[in-house]
Amino acid sequence: MKRRIAASLTVLSWGLLTYIGATLISGVAHRHVPGYPNAGQWHYYVYFPVIMAIASVCLLLLARRLSVTLFVTIWILQLLLVLPFLFWYGGGV
């Protein structure tokens, strides 16, 4: 049960980041700013969080079948990826 709660929190966090990224990118696209959004921005703000959200959903679905060590390792890696992602998401320094 605790593993499912932990995996649910990562699903929610990556899902929220996906929603925010898609909203930001679509807002820029609607303004018709030349050169924006470019492919790199799509990859970073939308595709990467979607992939991480899908990985979190898989972790949630497989929570009972995975060993505790494997689950915790994957879950911690997902949490560690949030920090550098948010650092660059907000514009860096």
Protein backbone atom coordinates (compact mmCIF):
# COMPACT_ATOMS: atom_id res chain seq x y z
CA MET A 1 0.00 0.00 0.00
CA LYS A 2 2.81 2.43 0.84
CA ARG A 3 4.47 1.74 -2.50
CA ARG A 4 1.30 2.58 -4.39
CA ILE A 5 0.94 5.85 -2.51
CA ALA A 6 4.55 6.77 -3.29
CA ALA A 7 4.10 5.87 -6.96
CA SER A 8 0.84 7.83 -7.08
CA LEU A 9 2.63 10.94 -5.83
CA THR A 10 5.18 10.70 -8.64
CA VAL A 11 2.39 10.15 -11.18
CA LEU A 12 0.69 13.30 -9.91
CA SER A 13 3.87 15.37 -9.93
CA TRP A 14 4.93 14.38 -13.46
CA GLY A 15 1.34 14.72 -14.64
CA LEU A 16 1.17 18.24 -13.22
CA LEU A 17 4.47 19.15 -14.88
CA THR A 18 3.14 17.77 -18.17
CA TYR A 19 -0.01 19.86 -17.88
CA ILE A 20 1.92 23.03 -17.05
CA GLY A 21 4.39 22.43 -19.88
CA ALA A 22 1.66 21.78 -22.43
CA THR A 23 -0.19 24.90 -21.32
CA LEU A 24 2.95 27.03 -21.61
CA ILE A 25 3.87 25.66 -25.03
CA SER A 26 0.35 26.04 -26.41
CA GLY A 27 0.22 29.61 -25.09
CA VAL A 28 3.38 30.48 -26.98
CA ALA A 29 2.10 28.71 -30.09
CA HIS A 30 -1.15 30.73 -30.02
CA ARG A 31 0.81 33.99 -29.95
CA HIS A 32 2.56 33.03 -33.21
CA VAL A 33 5.97 34.13 -31.96
CA PRO A 34 8.52 33.47 -34.73
CA GLY A 35 10.77 30.53 -33.87
CA TYR A 36 8.83 29.55 -30.76
CA PRO A 37 8.02 26.93 -29.65
CA ASN A 38 10.85 24.99 -31.20
CA ALA A 39 11.27 21.22 -31.21
CA GLY A 40 13.62 21.28 -28.22
CA GLN A 41 11.05 23.07 -26.11
CA TRP A 42 8.39 20.53 -27.08
CA HIS A 43 10.72 17.71 -26.09
CA TYR A 44 11.67 19.28 -22.77
CA TYR A 45 8.40 20.76 -21.56
CA VAL A 46 5.95 18.16 -22.88
CA TYR A 47 7.48 14.90 -24.12
CA PHE A 48 9.94 14.29 -21.27
CA PRO A 49 7.32 14.76 -18.51
CA VAL A 50 4.89 12.55 -20.45
CA ILE A 51 7.49 9.79 -20.63
CA MET A 52 8.21 10.13 -16.92
CA ALA A 53 4.47 10.10 -16.13
CA ILE A 54 4.06 6.90 -18.15
CA ALA A 55 7.02 5.36 -16.33
CA SER A 56 5.41 6.36 -13.03
CA VAL A 57 2.12 4.77 -14.05
CA CYS A 58 3.99 1.57 -14.93
CA LEU A 59 5.69 1.70 -11.55
CA LEU A 60 2.30 2.17 -9.90
CA LEU A 61 0.82 -0.80 -11.76
CA LEU A 62 3.79 -3.03 -10.98
CA ALA A 63 4.21 -1.90 -7.36
CA ARG A 64 3.17 -5.20 -5.84
CA ARG A 65 5.11 -7.36 -8.30
CA LEU A 66 8.46 -5.60 -7.98
CA SER A 67 10.82 -6.30 -5.15
CA VAL A 68 11.10 -3.55 -2.56
CA THR A 69 14.69 -2.75 -3.55
CA LEU A 70 13.90 -2.42 -7.24
CA PHE A 71 10.82 -0.33 -6.55
CA VAL A 72 12.67 2.04 -4.22
CA THR A 73 15.57 2.38 -6.66
CA ILE A 74 13.31 3.31 -9.59
CA TRP A 75 11.21 5.61 -7.42
CA ILE A 76 14.27 7.45 -6.06
CA LEU A 77 15.65 7.85 -9.59
CA GLN A 78 12.37 9.44 -10.62
CA LEU A 79 12.51 11.80 -7.66
CA LEU A 80 16.13 12.70 -8.36
CA LEU A 81 15.24 13.59 -11.96
CA VAL A 82 12.68 16.12 -10.76
CA LEU A 83 15.33 18.43 -9.24
CA PRO A 84 17.46 19.07 -12.34
CA PHE A 85 14.32 19.12 -14.47
CA LEU A 86 12.78 21.88 -12.36
CA PHE A 87 16.09 23.77 -12.29
CA TRP A 88 16.15 24.08 -16.09
CA TYR A 89 12.36 24.29 -16.32
CA GLY A 90 12.45 27.55 -14.40
CA GLY A 91 15.17 29.03 -16.57
CA GLY A 92 18.33 27.88 -14.78
CA VAL A 93 20.11 30.09 -12.32
